[in-house]
Amino acid sequence: MTTIAHLPAATLAEIARIIREDWHTEDPYPVQMIDAMAELRTLDTPYFAENGRTVVGTFLAICRAWHGETARAVKKELWRRLRAHDRKPIVRARPPLVHVHGPITVTRAGRA
């Protein structure tokens, strides 16, 4: 069982379980985000057209009514993860240096 002390090592699904156990809200919007987090492992995990970062960010924006020691610890950990995730360098694939279909020739009309 994951507790507040184990939050840094917990998956997003485990954090969602902690939230459910502590916060009994009737508001459907945070519940939807908690349900989405329950299906995620990390911030990079895809969730339909979004990813874990978007789900967690949305949850943090709408969970202002959740208070207490557990709420503070969980929110702090989620913010820490978002900040650490945003600092990671973005690795993009580089385009090939050579055109795949051979050299491109341009005529006076601007067509090959």
PDB file of N, CA and C in Angstrom:
ATOM      1  N   MET A   1       0.835  -1.183   0.000  1.00  0.00           N
ATOM      2  CA  MET A   1       0.000   0.000   0.000  1.00  0.00           C
ATOM      3  C   MET A   1       0.882   1.249   0.000  1.00  0.00           C
ATOM      4  N   THR A   2       0.562   2.181  -0.848  1.00  0.00           N
ATOM      5  CA  THR A   2       1.322   3.409  -0.955  1.00  0.00           C
ATOM      6  C   THR A   2       0.823   4.412   0.080  1.00  0.00           C
ATOM      7  N   THR A   3       1.755   5.030   0.771  1.00  0.00           N
ATOM      8  CA  THR A   3       1.414   6.060   1.740  1.00  0.00           C
ATOM      9  C   THR A   3       2.066   7.362   1.323  1.00  0.00           C
ATOM     10  N   ILE A   4       1.828   8.405   2.085  1.00  0.00           N
ATOM     11  CA  ILE A   4       2.402   9.711   1.770  1.00  0.00           C
ATOM     12  C   ILE A   4       3.924   9.636   1.732  1.00  0.00           C
ATOM     13  N   ALA A   5       4.513   8.843   2.609  1.00  0.00           N
ATOM     14  CA  ALA A   5       5.970   8.726   2.644  1.00  0.00           C
ATOM     15  C   ALA A   5       6.539   8.107   1.371  1.00  0.00           C
ATOM     16  N   HIS A   6       5.734   7.319   0.670  1.00  0.00           N
ATOM     17  CA  HIS A   6       6.195   6.631  -0.539  1.00  0.00           C
ATOM     18  C   HIS A   6       5.776   7.336  -1.830  1.00  0.00           C
ATOM     19  N   LEU A   7       5.280   8.558  -1.750  1.00  0.00           N
ATOM     20  CA  LEU A   7       4.799   9.262  -2.937  1.00  0.00           C
ATOM     21  C   LEU A   7       5.852   9.419  -4.042  1.00  0.00           C
ATOM     22  N   PRO A   8       7.100   9.755  -3.739  1.00  0.00           N
ATOM     23  CA  PRO A   8       8.064   9.930  -4.838  1.00  0.00           C
ATOM     24  C   PRO A   8       8.261   8.677  -5.701  1.00  0.00           C
ATOM     25  N   ALA A   9       8.051   7.506  -5.131  1.00  0.00           N
ATOM     26  CA  ALA A   9       8.236   6.265  -5.886  1.00  0.00           C
ATOM     27  C   ALA A   9       6.927   5.735  -6.466  1.00  0.00           C
ATOM     28  N   ALA A  10       5.810   6.365  -6.151  1.00  0.00           N
ATOM     29  CA  ALA A  10       4.498   5.863  -6.571  1.00  0.00           C
ATOM     30  C   ALA A  10       4.224   6.192  -8.029  1.00  0.00           C
ATOM     31  N   THR A  11       3.475   5.308  -8.687  1.00  0.00           N
ATOM     32  CA  THR A  11       3.012   5.594 -10.047  1.00  0.00           C
ATOM     33  C   THR A  11       1.818   6.537  -9.947  1.00  0.00           C
ATOM     34  N   LEU A  12       1.417   7.108 -11.075  1.00  0.00           N
ATOM     35  CA  LEU A  12       0.241   7.972 -11.069  1.00  0.00           C
ATOM     36  C   LEU A  12      -1.010   7.190 -10.681  1.00  0.00           C
ATOM     37  N   ALA A  13      -1.077   5.920 -11.051  1.00  0.00           N
ATOM     38  CA  ALA A  13      -2.224   5.094 -10.672  1.00  0.00           C
ATOM     39  C   ALA A  13      -2.295   4.927  -9.153  1.00  0.00           C
ATOM     40  N   GLU A  14      -1.150   4.749  -8.523  1.00  0.00           N
ATOM     41  CA  GLU A  14      -1.121   4.619  -7.066  1.00  0.00           C
ATOM     42  C   GLU A  14      -1.494   5.940  -6.388  1.00  0.00           C
ATOM     43  N   ILE A  15      -1.061   7.041  -6.952  1.00  0.00           N
ATOM     44  CA  ILE A  15      -1.433   8.346  -6.413  1.00  0.00           C
ATOM     45  C   ILE A  15      -2.933   8.570  -6.570  1.00  0.00           C
ATOM     46  N   ALA A  16      -3.497   8.148  -7.694  1.00  0.00           N
ATOM     47  CA  ALA A  16      -4.950   8.271  -7.894  1.00  0.00           C
ATOM     48  C   ALA A  16      -5.707   7.490  -6.823  1.00  0.00           C
ATOM     49  N   ARG A  17      -5.199   6.330  -6.448  1.00  0.00           N
ATOM     50  CA  ARG A  17      -5.839   5.537  -5.402  1.00  0.00           C
ATOM     51  C   ARG A  17      -5.800   6.271  -4.063  1.00  0.00           C
ATOM     52  N   ILE A  18      -4.682   6.912  -3.755  1.00  0.00           N
ATOM     53  CA  ILE A  18      -4.556   7.692  -2.525  1.00  0.00           C
ATOM     54  C   ILE A  18      -5.573   8.835  -2.530  1.00  0.00           C
ATOM     55  N   ILE A  19      -5.703   9.511  -3.665  1.00  0.00           N
ATOM     56  CA  ILE A  19      -6.656  10.620  -3.777  1.00  0.00           C
ATOM     57  C   ILE A  19      -8.076  10.115  -3.535  1.00  0.00           C
ATOM     58  N   ARG A  20      -8.438   9.009  -4.177  1.00  0.00           N
ATOM     59  CA  ARG A  20      -9.789   8.448  -4.007  1.00  0.00           C
ATOM     60  C   ARG A  20     -10.091   8.098  -2.554  1.00  0.00           C
ATOM     61  N   GLU A  21      -9.088   7.543  -1.873  1.00  0.00           N
ATOM     62  CA  GLU A  21      -9.294   7.157  -0.476  1.00  0.00           C
ATOM     63  C   GLU A  21      -9.466   8.366   0.431  1.00  0.00           C
ATOM     64  N   ASP A  22      -8.820   9.479   0.080  1.00  0.00           N
ATOM     65  CA  ASP A  22      -8.846  10.647   0.963  1.00  0.00           C
ATOM     66  C   ASP A  22      -9.932  11.666   0.607  1.00  0.00           C
ATOM     67  N   TRP A  23     -10.252  11.812  -0.671  1.00  0.00           N
ATOM     68  CA  TRP A  23     -11.151  12.879  -1.108  1.00  0.00           C
ATOM     69  C   TRP A  23     -12.420  12.277  -1.697  1.00  0.00           C
ATOM     70  N   HIS A  24     -13.520  12.521  -1.041  1.00  0.00           N
ATOM     71  CA  HIS A  24     -14.823  12.020  -1.496  1.00  0.00           C
ATOM     72  C   HIS A  24     -15.620  13.203  -2.027  1.00  0.00           C
ATOM     73  N   THR A  25     -15.415  13.517  -3.273  1.00  0.00           N
ATOM     74  CA  THR A  25     -16.063  14.675  -3.890  1.00  0.00           C
ATOM     75  C   THR A  25     -17.212  14.231  -4.779  1.00  0.00           C
ATOM     76  N   GLU A  26     -18.192  15.101  -4.892  1.00  0.00           N
ATOM     77  CA  GLU A  26     -19.333  14.861  -5.783  1.00  0.00           C
ATOM     78  C   GLU A  26     -19.123  15.534  -7.141  1.00  0.00           C
ATOM     79  N   ASP A  27     -18.131  16.394  -7.222  1.00  0.00           N
ATOM     80  CA  ASP A  27     -17.844  17.117  -8.456  1.00  0.00           C
ATOM     81  C   ASP A  27     -17.325  16.140  -9.514  1.00  0.00           C
ATOM     82  N   PRO A  28     -17.974  16.063 -10.677  1.00  0.00           N
ATOM     83  CA  PRO A  28     -17.573  15.063 -11.679  1.00  0.00           C
ATOM     84  C   PRO A  28     -16.235  15.353 -12.357  1.00  0.00           C
ATOM     85  N   TYR A  29     -15.808  16.613 -12.422  1.00  0.00           N
ATOM     86  CA  TYR A  29     -14.589  16.939 -13.162  1.00  0.00           C
ATOM     87  C   TYR A  29     -13.327  16.383 -12.497  1.00  0.00           C
ATOM     88  N   PRO A  30     -13.134  16.595 -11.193  1.00  0.00           N
ATOM     89  CA  PRO A  30     -11.951  15.965 -10.586  1.00  0.00           C
ATOM     90  C   PRO A  30     -12.027  14.445 -10.630  1.00  0.00           C
ATOM     91  N   VAL A  31     -13.233  13.910 -10.518  1.00  0.00           N
ATOM     92  CA  VAL A  31     -13.389  12.451 -10.561  1.00  0.00           C
ATOM     93  C   VAL A  31     -12.933  11.911 -11.915  1.00  0.00           C
ATOM     94  N   GLN A  32     -13.254  12.625 -12.988  1.00  0.00           N
ATOM     95  CA  GLN A  32     -12.810  12.201 -14.325  1.00  0.00           C
ATOM     96  C   GLN A  32     -11.285  12.198 -14.415  1.00  0.00           C
ATOM     97  N   MET A  33     -10.650  13.220 -13.861  1.00  0.00           N
ATOM     98  CA  MET A  33      -9.186  13.290 -13.910  1.00  0.00           C
ATOM     99  C   MET A  33      -8.552  12.219 -13.018  1.00  0.00           C
ATOM    100  N   ILE A  34      -9.178  11.918 -11.880  1.00  0.00           N
ATOM    101  CA  ILE A  34      -8.673  10.846 -11.014  1.00  0.00           C
ATOM    102  C   ILE A  34      -8.798   9.505 -11.735  1.00  0.00           C
ATOM    103  N   ASP A  35      -9.924   9.293 -12.411  1.00  0.00           N
ATOM    104  CA  ASP A  35     -10.103   8.061 -13.192  1.00  0.00           C
ATOM    105  C   ASP A  35      -9.042   7.953 -14.286  1.00  0.00           C
ATOM    106  N   ALA A  36      -8.748   9.077 -14.936  1.00  0.00           N
ATOM    107  CA  ALA A  36      -7.722   9.075 -15.991  1.00  0.00           C
ATOM    108  C   ALA A  36      -6.349   8.776 -15.392  1.00  0.00           C
ATOM    109  N   MET A  37      -6.031   9.395 -14.254  1.00  0.00           N
ATOM    110  CA  MET A  37      -4.732   9.142 -13.607  1.00  0.00           C
ATOM    111  C   MET A  37      -4.603   7.685 -13.192  1.00  0.00           C
ATOM    112  N   ALA A  38      -5.721   7.046 -12.858  1.00  0.00           N
ATOM    113  CA  ALA A  38      -5.684   5.640 -12.434  1.00  0.00           C
ATOM    114  C   ALA A  38      -5.211   4.727 -13.558  1.00  0.00           C
ATOM    115  N   GLU A  39      -5.269   5.191 -14.793  1.00  0.00           N
ATOM    116  CA  GLU A  39      -4.836   4.385 -15.932  1.00  0.00           C
ATOM    117  C   GLU A  39      -3.414   4.714 -16.384  1.00  0.00           C
ATOM    118  N   LEU A  40      -2.746   5.628 -15.695  1.00  0.00           N
ATOM    119  CA  LEU A  40      -1.427   6.092 -16.117  1.00  0.00           C
ATOM    120  C   LEU A  40      -0.326   5.603 -15.188  1.00  0.00           C
ATOM    121  N   ARG A  41       0.871   5.449 -15.747  1.00  0.00           N
ATOM    122  CA  ARG A  41       2.042   5.120 -14.931  1.00  0.00           C
ATOM    123  C   ARG A  41       2.921   6.356 -14.746  1.00  0.00           C
ATOM    124  N   THR A  42       3.160   7.086 -15.832  1.00  0.00           N
ATOM    125  CA  THR A  42       4.042   8.256 -15.787  1.00  0.00           C
ATOM    126  C   THR A  42       3.388   9.423 -16.525  1.00  0.00           C
ATOM    127  N   LEU A  43       4.049  10.561 -16.506  1.00  0.00           N
ATOM    128  CA  LEU A  43       3.544  11.741 -17.212  1.00  0.00           C
ATOM    129  C   LEU A  43       3.648  11.584 -18.726  1.00  0.00           C
ATOM    130  N   ASP A  44       4.474  10.675 -19.195  1.00  0.00           N
ATOM    131  CA  ASP A  44       4.628  10.449 -20.633  1.00  0.00           C
ATOM    132  C   ASP A  44       3.646   9.414 -21.185  1.00  0.00           C
ATOM    133  N   THR A  45       2.905   8.756 -20.315  1.00  0.00           N
ATOM    134  CA  THR A  45       1.961   7.734 -20.759  1.00  0.00           C
ATOM    135  C   THR A  45       0.840   8.382 -21.567  1.00  0.00           C
ATOM    136  N   PRO A  46       0.569   7.893 -22.783  1.00  0.00           N
ATOM    137  CA  PRO A  46      -0.523   8.470 -23.575  1.00  0.00           C
ATOM    138  C   PRO A  46      -1.882   8.161 -22.949  1.00  0.00           C
ATOM    139  N   TYR A  47      -2.785   9.114 -23.063  1.00  0.00           N
ATOM    140  CA  TYR A  47      -4.160   8.929 -22.606  1.00  0.00           C
ATOM    141  C   TYR A  47      -5.054   9.547 -23.668  1.00  0.00           C
ATOM    142  N   PHE A  48      -5.626   8.718 -24.519  1.00  0.00           N
ATOM    143  CA  PHE A  48      -6.393   9.142 -25.690  1.00  0.00           C
ATOM    144  C   PHE A  48      -5.548  10.138 -26.485  1.00  0.00           C
ATOM    145  N   ALA A  49      -6.037  11.353 -26.740  1.00  0.00           N
ATOM    146  CA  ALA A  49      -5.267  12.316 -27.534  1.00  0.00           C
ATOM    147  C   ALA A  49      -4.328  13.146 -26.659  1.00  0.00           C
ATOM    148  N   GLU A  50      -4.321  12.889 -25.371  1.00  0.00           N
ATOM    149  CA  GLU A  50      -3.501  13.655 -24.425  1.00  0.00           C
ATOM    150  C   GLU A  50      -2.377  12.777 -23.887  1.00  0.00           C
ATOM    151  N   ASN A  51      -1.757  13.238 -22.808  1.00  0.00           N
ATOM    152  CA  ASN A  51      -0.763  12.426 -22.114  1.00  0.00           C
ATOM    153  C   ASN A  51      -0.918  12.660 -20.615  1.00  0.00           C
ATOM    154  N   GLY A  52      -0.115  11.977 -19.833  1.00  0.00           N
ATOM    155  CA  GLY A  52      -0.219  12.083 -18.390  1.00  0.00           C
ATOM    156  C   GLY A  52       0.036  13.481 -17.873  1.00  0.00           C
ATOM    157  N   ARG A  53       0.896  14.229 -18.553  1.00  0.00           N
ATOM    158  CA  ARG A  53       1.189  15.586 -18.119  1.00  0.00           C
ATOM    159  C   ARG A  53      -0.066  16.456 -18.189  1.00  0.00           C
ATOM    160  N   THR A  54      -0.831  16.328 -19.241  1.00  0.00           N
ATOM    161  CA  THR A  54      -2.051  17.101 -19.391  1.00  0.00           C
ATOM    162  C   THR A  54      -3.085  16.702 -18.346  1.00  0.00           C
ATOM    163  N   VAL A  55      -3.218  15.407 -18.105  1.00  0.00           N
ATOM    164  CA  VAL A  55      -4.181  14.910 -17.116  1.00  0.00           C
ATOM    165  C   VAL A  55      -3.833  15.438 -15.730  1.00  0.00           C
ATOM    166  N   VAL A  56      -2.581  15.344 -15.334  1.00  0.00           N
ATOM    167  CA  VAL A  56      -2.153  15.805 -14.009  1.00  0.00           C
ATOM    168  C   VAL A  56      -2.300  17.320 -13.902  1.00  0.00           C
ATOM    169  N   GLY A  57      -1.912  18.041 -14.927  1.00  0.00           N
ATOM    170  CA  GLY A  57      -2.056  19.494 -14.916  1.00  0.00           C
ATOM    171  C   GLY A  57      -3.502  19.935 -14.780  1.00  0.00           C
ATOM    172  N   THR A  58      -4.394  19.252 -15.492  1.00  0.00           N
ATOM    173  CA  THR A  58      -5.821  19.562 -15.389  1.00  0.00           C
ATOM    174  C   THR A  58      -6.337  19.240 -13.992  1.00  0.00           C
ATOM    175  N   PHE A  59      -5.926  18.096 -13.445  1.00  0.00           N
ATOM    176  CA  PHE A  59      -6.354  17.748 -12.087  1.00  0.00           C
ATOM    177  C   PHE A  59      -5.920  18.821 -11.091  1.00  0.00           C
ATOM    178  N   LEU A  60      -4.667  19.250 -11.179  1.00  0.00           N
ATOM    179  CA  LEU A  60      -4.171  20.259 -10.242  1.00  0.00           C
ATOM    180  C   LEU A  60      -4.909  21.589 -10.392  1.00  0.00           C
ATOM    181  N   ALA A  61      -5.373  21.889 -11.575  1.00  0.00           N
ATOM    182  CA  ALA A  61      -6.109  23.133 -11.791  1.00  0.00           C
ATOM    183  C   ALA A  61      -7.515  23.095 -11.194  1.00  0.00           C
ATOM    184  N   ILE A  62      -8.102  21.897 -11.065  1.00  0.00           N
ATOM    185  CA  ILE A  62      -9.491  21.813 -10.614  1.00  0.00           C
ATOM    186  C   ILE A  62      -9.658  21.184  -9.233  1.00  0.00           C
ATOM    187  N   CYS A  63      -8.580  20.901  -8.530  1.00  0.00           N
ATOM    188  CA  CYS A  63      -8.702  20.216  -7.235  1.00  0.00           C
ATOM    189  C   CYS A  63      -8.555  21.156  -6.047  1.00  0.00           C
ATOM    190  N   ARG A  64      -8.874  22.400  -6.233  1.00  0.00           N
ATOM    191  CA  ARG A  64      -8.691  23.389  -5.175  1.00  0.00           C
ATOM    192  C   ARG A  64      -9.555  23.128  -3.944  1.00  0.00           C
ATOM    193  N   ALA A  65     -10.623  22.394  -4.070  1.00  0.00           N
ATOM    194  CA  ALA A  65     -11.510  22.120  -2.926  1.00  0.00           C
ATOM    195  C   ALA A  65     -10.991  20.989  -2.042  1.00  0.00           C
ATOM    196  N   TRP A  66      -9.928  20.339  -2.451  1.00  0.00           N
ATOM    197  CA  TRP A  66      -9.362  19.225  -1.676  1.00  0.00           C
ATOM    198  C   TRP A  66      -8.328  19.777  -0.714  1.00  0.00           C
ATOM    199  N   HIS A  67      -8.540  19.550   0.592  1.00  0.00           N
ATOM    200  CA  HIS A  67      -7.668  20.111   1.627  1.00  0.00           C
ATOM    201  C   HIS A  67      -7.188  19.018   2.563  1.00  0.00           C
ATOM    202  N   GLY A  68      -6.201  19.338   3.366  1.00  0.00           N
ATOM    203  CA  GLY A  68      -5.691  18.423   4.384  1.00  0.00           C
ATOM    204  C   GLY A  68      -4.241  18.054   4.143  1.00  0.00           C
ATOM    205  N   GLU A  69      -3.699  17.271   5.062  1.00  0.00           N
ATOM    206  CA  GLU A  69      -2.293  16.870   4.991  1.00  0.00           C
ATOM    207  C   GLU A  69      -2.011  16.019   3.754  1.00  0.00           C
ATOM    208  N   THR A  70      -2.892  15.048   3.491  1.00  0.00           N
ATOM    209  CA  THR A  70      -2.710  14.189   2.312  1.00  0.00           C
ATOM    210  C   THR A  70      -2.791  15.017   1.038  1.00  0.00           C
ATOM    211  N   ALA A  71      -3.759  15.928   0.980  1.00  0.00           N
ATOM    212  CA  ALA A  71      -3.919  16.774  -0.203  1.00  0.00           C
ATOM    213  C   ALA A  71      -2.661  17.599  -0.452  1.00  0.00           C
ATOM    214  N   ARG A  72      -2.128  18.210   0.596  1.00  0.00           N
ATOM    215  CA  ARG A  72      -0.912  19.019   0.433  1.00  0.00           C
ATOM    216  C   ARG A  72       0.255  18.169  -0.069  1.00  0.00           C
ATOM    217  N   ALA A  73       0.419  16.977   0.502  1.00  0.00           N
ATOM    218  CA  ALA A  73       1.542  16.114   0.109  1.00  0.00           C
ATOM    219  C   ALA A  73       1.393  15.637  -1.337  1.00  0.00           C
ATOM    220  N   VAL A  74       0.184  15.237  -1.709  1.00  0.00           N
ATOM    221  CA  VAL A  74      -0.036  14.740  -3.076  1.00  0.00           C
ATOM    222  C   VAL A  74       0.133  15.863  -4.091  1.00  0.00           C
ATOM    223  N   LYS A  75      -0.457  17.023  -3.833  1.00  0.00           N
ATOM    224  CA  LYS A  75      -0.326  18.149  -4.754  1.00  0.00           C
ATOM    225  C   LYS A  75       1.142  18.562  -4.904  1.00  0.00           C
ATOM    226  N   LYS A  76       1.857  18.589  -3.789  1.00  0.00           N
ATOM    227  CA  LYS A  76       3.277  18.944  -3.835  1.00  0.00           C
ATOM    228  C   LYS A  76       4.057  17.963  -4.704  1.00  0.00           C
ATOM    229  N   GLU A  77       3.766  16.665  -4.555  1.00  0.00           N
ATOM    230  CA  GLU A  77       4.461  15.656  -5.358  1.00  0.00           C
ATOM    231  C   GLU A  77       4.101  15.772  -6.834  1.00  0.00           C
ATOM    232  N   LEU A  78       2.835  16.014  -7.149  1.00  0.00           N
ATOM    233  CA  LEU A  78       2.428  16.149  -8.549  1.00  0.00           C
ATOM    234  C   LEU A  78       3.069  17.391  -9.173  1.00  0.00           C
ATOM    235  N   TRP A  79       3.118  18.501  -8.440  1.00  0.00           N
ATOM    236  CA  TRP A  79       3.791  19.697  -8.957  1.00  0.00           C
ATOM    237  C   TRP A  79       5.276  19.434  -9.163  1.00  0.00           C
ATOM    238  N   ARG A  80       5.909  18.711  -8.231  1.00  0.00           N
ATOM    239  CA  ARG A  80       7.333  18.387  -8.369  1.00  0.00           C
ATOM    240  C   ARG A  80       7.570  17.595  -9.651  1.00  0.00           C
ATOM    241  N   ARG A  81       6.701  16.622  -9.899  1.00  0.00           N
ATOM    242  CA  ARG A  81       6.850  15.803 -11.114  1.00  0.00           C
ATOM    243  C   ARG A  81       6.657  16.632 -12.379  1.00  0.00           C
ATOM    244  N   LEU A  82       5.671  17.526 -12.363  1.00  0.00           N
ATOM    245  CA  LEU A  82       5.448  18.363 -13.550  1.00  0.00           C
ATOM    246  C   LEU A  82       6.662  19.249 -13.825  1.00  0.00           C
ATOM    247  N   ARG A  83       7.206  19.850 -12.780  1.00  0.00           N
ATOM    248  CA  ARG A  83       8.377  20.720 -12.971  1.00  0.00           C
ATOM    249  C   ARG A  83       9.586  19.926 -13.461  1.00  0.00           C
ATOM    250  N   ALA A  84       9.801  18.752 -12.885  1.00  0.00           N
ATOM    251  CA  ALA A  84      10.923  17.910 -13.319  1.00  0.00           C
ATOM    252  C   ALA A  84      10.720  17.447 -14.756  1.00  0.00           C
ATOM    253  N   HIS A  85       9.494  17.145 -15.117  1.00  0.00           N
ATOM    254  CA  HIS A  85       9.186  16.695 -16.476  1.00  0.00           C
ATOM    255  C   HIS A  85       9.430  17.815 -17.478  1.00  0.00           C
ATOM    256  N   ASP A  86       9.065  19.042 -17.095  1.00  0.00           N
ATOM    257  CA  ASP A  86       9.247  20.174 -18.006  1.00  0.00           C
ATOM    258  C   ASP A  86      10.712  20.530 -18.204  1.00  0.00           C
ATOM    259  N   ARG A  87      11.571  20.138 -17.278  1.00  0.00           N
ATOM    260  CA  ARG A  87      13.003  20.420 -17.404  1.00  0.00           C
ATOM    261  C   ARG A  87      13.730  19.400 -18.262  1.00  0.00           C
ATOM    262  N   LYS A  88      13.082  18.272 -18.555  1.00  0.00           N
ATOM    263  CA  LYS A  88      13.741  17.255 -19.375  1.00  0.00           C
ATOM    264  C   LYS A  88      13.965  17.794 -20.779  1.00  0.00           C
ATOM    265  N   PRO A  89      15.123  17.525 -21.365  1.00  0.00           N
ATOM    266  CA  PRO A  89      15.341  17.988 -22.730  1.00  0.00           C
ATOM    267  C   PRO A  89      14.431  17.246 -23.705  1.00  0.00           C
ATOM    268  N   ILE A  90      13.953  17.976 -24.678  1.00  0.00           N
ATOM    269  CA  ILE A  90      13.091  17.380 -25.695  1.00  0.00           C
ATOM    270  C   ILE A  90      13.984  16.830 -26.794  1.00  0.00           C
ATOM    271  N   VAL A  91      13.857  15.547 -27.068  1.00  0.00           N
ATOM    272  CA  VAL A  91      14.663  14.902 -28.097  1.00  0.00           C
ATOM    273  C   VAL A  91      13.785  14.743 -29.330  1.00  0.00           C
ATOM    274  N   ARG A  92      14.176  15.408 -30.375  1.00  0.00           N
ATOM    275  CA  ARG A  92      13.415  15.332 -31.620  1.00  0.00           C
ATOM    276  C   ARG A  92      14.263  14.630 -32.670  1.00  0.00           C
ATOM    277  N   ALA A  93      13.605  13.913 -33.533  1.00  0.00           N
ATOM    278  CA  ALA A  93      14.321  13.236 -34.613  1.00  0.00           C
ATOM    279  C   ALA A  93      14.823  14.286 -35.593  1.00  0.00           C
ATOM    280  N   ARG A  94      16.051  14.134 -36.020  1.00  0.00           N
ATOM    281  CA  ARG A  94      16.614  15.058 -36.988  1.00  0.00           C
ATOM    282  C   ARG A  94      16.246  14.627 -38.393  1.00  0.00           C
ATOM    283  N   PRO A  95      16.010  15.585 -39.274  1.00  0.00           N
ATOM    284  CA  PRO A  95      15.732  15.218 -40.660  1.00  0.00           C
ATOM    285  C   PRO A  95      16.995  14.651 -41.300  1.00  0.00           C
ATOM    286  N   PRO A  96      16.833  13.817 -42.293  1.00  0.00           N
ATOM    287  CA  PRO A  96      18.021  13.259 -42.952  1.00  0.00           C
ATOM    288  C   PRO A  96      18.832  14.362 -43.623  1.00  0.00           C
ATOM    289  N   LEU A  97      20.153  14.184 -43.633  1.00  0.00           N
ATOM    290  CA  LEU A  97      21.029  15.180 -44.243  1.00  0.00           C
ATOM    291  C   LEU A  97      21.018  15.092 -45.761  1.00  0.00           C
ATOM    292  N   VAL A  98      20.693  13.940 -46.297  1.00  0.00           N
ATOM    293  CA  VAL A  98      20.675  13.734 -47.744  1.00  0.00           C
ATOM    294  C   VAL A  98      19.246  13.439 -48.153  1.00  0.00           C
ATOM    295  N   HIS A  99      18.806  14.055 -49.236  1.00  0.00           N
ATOM    296  CA  HIS A  99      17.457  13.802 -49.730  1.00  0.00           C
ATOM    297  C   HIS A  99      17.338  12.333 -50.114  1.00  0.00           C
ATOM    298  N   VAL A 100      16.291  11.690 -49.711  1.00  0.00           N
ATOM    299  CA  VAL A 100      16.129  10.252 -49.899  1.00  0.00           C
ATOM    300  C   VAL A 100      16.048   9.870 -51.374  1.00  0.00           C
ATOM    301  N   HIS A 101      15.448  10.726 -52.188  1.00  0.00           N
ATOM    302  CA  HIS A 101      15.224  10.374 -53.587  1.00  0.00           C
ATOM    303  C   HIS A 101      16.274  10.961 -54.519  1.00  0.00           C
ATOM    304  N   GLY A 102      17.417  11.353 -53.994  1.00  0.00           N
ATOM    305  CA  GLY A 102      18.473  11.889 -54.828  1.00  0.00           C
ATOM    306  C   GLY A 102      18.479  13.402 -54.806  1.00  0.00           C
ATOM    307  N   PRO A 103      19.361  13.983 -55.592  1.00  0.00           N
ATOM    308  CA  PRO A 103      19.485  15.449 -55.588  1.00  0.00           C
ATOM    309  C   PRO A 103      18.254  16.109 -56.197  1.00  0.00           C
ATOM    310  N   ILE A 104      17.959  17.299 -55.728  1.00  0.00           N
ATOM    311  CA  ILE A 104      16.838  18.068 -56.255  1.00  0.00           C
ATOM    312  C   ILE A 104      17.407  19.073 -57.240  1.00  0.00           C
ATOM    313  N   THR A 105      16.820  19.114 -58.441  1.00  0.00           N
ATOM    314  CA  THR A 105      17.261  20.102 -59.442  1.00  0.00           C
ATOM    315  C   THR A 105      16.147  21.104 -59.635  1.00  0.00           C
ATOM    316  N   VAL A 106      16.516  22.353 -59.797  1.00  0.00           N
ATOM    317  CA  VAL A 106      15.524  23.403 -59.957  1.00  0.00           C
ATOM    318  C   VAL A 106      15.772  24.059 -61.309  1.00  0.00           C
ATOM    319  N   THR A 107      14.713  24.192 -62.065  1.00  0.00           N
ATOM    320  CA  THR A 107      14.808  24.853 -63.378  1.00  0.00           C
ATOM    321  C   THR A 107      14.441  26.314 -63.198  1.00  0.00           C
ATOM    322  N   ARG A 108      14.530  27.068 -64.271  1.00  0.00           N
ATOM    323  CA  ARG A 108      14.204  28.500 -64.208  1.00  0.00           C
ATOM    324  C   ARG A 108      12.754  28.731 -63.800  1.00  0.00           C
ATOM    325  N   ALA A 109      11.860  27.853 -64.143  1.00  0.00           N
ATOM    326  CA  ALA A 109      10.439  28.005 -63.800  1.00  0.00           C
ATOM    327  C   ALA A 109      10.198  27.652 -62.341  1.00  0.00           C
ATOM    328  N   GLY A 110      11.212  27.138 -61.664  1.00  0.00           N
ATOM    329  CA  GLY A 110      11.059  26.799 -60.255  1.00  0.00           C
ATOM    330  C   GLY A 110      10.538  25.392 -60.028  1.00  0.00           C
ATOM    331  N   ARG A 111      10.532  24.589 -61.085  1.00  0.00           N
ATOM    332  CA  ARG A 111      10.056  23.222 -60.969  1.00  0.00           C
ATOM    333  C   ARG A 111      11.198  22.246 -61.242  1.00  0.00           C
ATOM    334  N   ALA A 112      11.097  21.097 -60.651  1.00  0.00           N
ATOM    335  CA  ALA A 112      12.129  20.089 -60.854  1.00  0.00           C
ATOM    336  C   ALA A 112      11.884  19.295 -62.096  1.00  0.00           C
TER     337      ALA A 112
END
